[in-house]
C-alpha atoms as a PDB file:
ATOM      1  CA  MET A   1       9.363  16.970  14.812  1.00  0.00           C
ATOM      2  CA  ASP A   2       8.548  13.653  13.125  1.00  0.00           C
ATOM      3  CA  ARG A   3      10.899  12.319  10.506  1.00  0.00           C
ATOM      4  CA  LEU A   4       9.454  10.957   7.304  1.00  0.00           C
ATOM      5  CA  PHE A   5      11.133   8.682   4.827  1.00  0.00           C
ATOM      6  CA  LEU A   6      10.231   6.878   1.642  1.00  0.00           C
ATOM      7  CA  GLU A   7      10.779   3.179   1.220  1.00  0.00           C
ATOM      8  CA  ILE A   8       9.982   0.545  -1.346  1.00  0.00           C
ATOM      9  CA  PRO A   9       6.987  -1.514  -0.185  1.00  0.00           C
ATOM     10  CA  SER A  10       7.881  -5.006   0.957  1.00  0.00           C
ATOM     11  CA  ILE A  11       6.402  -8.010   2.697  1.00  0.00           C
ATOM     12  CA  ASN A  12       8.219  -6.909   5.860  1.00  0.00           C
ATOM     13  CA  ARG A  13       5.759  -4.027   6.322  1.00  0.00           C
ATOM     14  CA  LYS A  14       2.592  -5.869   5.272  1.00  0.00           C
ATOM     15  CA  LYS A  15       0.763  -5.269   8.553  1.00  0.00           C
ATOM     16  CA  GLU A  16       1.560  -1.555   8.603  1.00  0.00           C
ATOM     17  CA  ALA A  17       0.559  -1.140   4.960  1.00  0.00           C
ATOM     18  CA  LEU A  18      -2.762  -2.910   5.438  1.00  0.00           C
ATOM     19  CA  ASP A  19      -3.401  -0.902   8.620  1.00  0.00           C
ATOM     20  CA  TYR A  20      -2.757   2.273   6.605  1.00  0.00           C
ATOM     21  CA  LEU A  21      -5.189   1.095   3.930  1.00  0.00           C
ATOM     22  CA  ALA A  22      -7.862   0.276   6.539  1.00  0.00           C
ATOM     23  CA  GLU A  23      -7.459   3.679   8.198  1.00  0.00           C
ATOM     24  CA  ASN A  24      -7.896   5.459   4.865  1.00  0.00           C
ATOM     25  CA  VAL A  25     -11.049   3.480   4.172  1.00  0.00           C
ATOM     26  CA  LYS A  26     -12.383   4.115   7.681  1.00  0.00           C
ATOM     27  CA  TYR A  27     -12.089   7.881   7.242  1.00  0.00           C
ATOM     28  CA  ASN A  28     -13.090   7.925   3.554  1.00  0.00           C
ATOM     29  CA  SER A  29      -9.692   9.312   2.559  1.00  0.00           C
ATOM     30  CA  LEU A  30      -8.384   9.241  -0.976  1.00  0.00           C
ATOM     31  CA  LEU A  31      -5.653   6.749  -1.806  1.00  0.00           C
ATOM     32  CA  ASN A  32      -3.612   8.943  -4.123  1.00  0.00           C
ATOM     33  CA  GLY A  33       0.058   8.054  -4.474  1.00  0.00           C
ATOM     34  CA  THR A  34      -0.146   4.511  -3.121  1.00  0.00           C
ATOM     35  CA  GLY A  35       1.046   2.755  -6.258  1.00  0.00           C
ATOM     36  CA  GLY A  36      -2.275   1.067  -6.915  1.00  0.00           C
ATOM     37  CA  MET A  37      -2.657  -0.272  -3.386  1.00  0.00           C
ATOM     38  CA  SER A  38      -6.413   0.176  -3.794  1.00  0.00           C
ATOM     39  CA  MET A  39      -6.403  -3.092  -5.756  1.00  0.00           C
ATOM     40  CA  CYS A  40      -6.291  -4.720  -2.293  1.00  0.00           C
ATOM     41  CA  LEU A  41      -9.800  -3.324  -1.794  1.00  0.00           C
ATOM     42  CA  ASN A  42     -10.951  -5.142  -4.914  1.00  0.00           C
ATOM     43  CA  GLY A  43      -9.939  -8.648  -3.892  1.00  0.00           C
ATOM     44  CA  ALA A  44      -6.209  -8.656  -4.619  1.00  0.00           C
ATOM     45  CA  THR A  45      -3.870  -9.801  -1.878  1.00  0.00           C
ATOM     46  CA  TYR A  46      -1.033  -7.688  -0.553  1.00  0.00           C
ATOM     47  CA  GLU A  47       1.401 -10.112  -2.195  1.00  0.00           C
ATOM     48  CA  GLU A  48      -0.331  -9.708  -5.571  1.00  0.00           C
ATOM     49  CA  TRP A  49      -0.056  -5.947  -5.227  1.00  0.00           C
ATOM     50  CA  LEU A  50       3.682  -6.246  -4.514  1.00  0.00           C
ATOM     51  CA  LEU A  51       4.119  -8.365  -7.653  1.00  0.00           C
ATOM     52  CA  GLU A  52       2.335  -5.721  -9.731  1.00  0.00           C
ATOM     53  CA  LEU A  53       4.629  -3.051  -8.298  1.00  0.00           C
ATOM     54  CA  GLU A  54       7.679  -5.134  -9.170  1.00  0.00           C
ATOM     55  CA  LYS A  55       6.471  -5.446 -12.776  1.00  0.00           C
ATOM     56  CA  LYS A  56       6.124  -1.662 -13.026  1.00  0.00           C
ATOM     57  CA  MET A  57       9.620  -1.037 -11.650  1.00  0.00           C
ATOM     58  CA  ILE A  58      11.378  -3.291 -14.170  1.00  0.00           C
END
């Protein structure tokens, strides 16, 4: 059985996060529960998305 865990997004997992985003787009999946990661589809960089997340967590 696979183990799942939650983690705070960080620059360390940028590649995996963007791969996840690309896979969701490829299969026309909804991006619910990604903390606004869809802003990366609208021209924002991954780093800009992380900054927005940080603002929301303060």
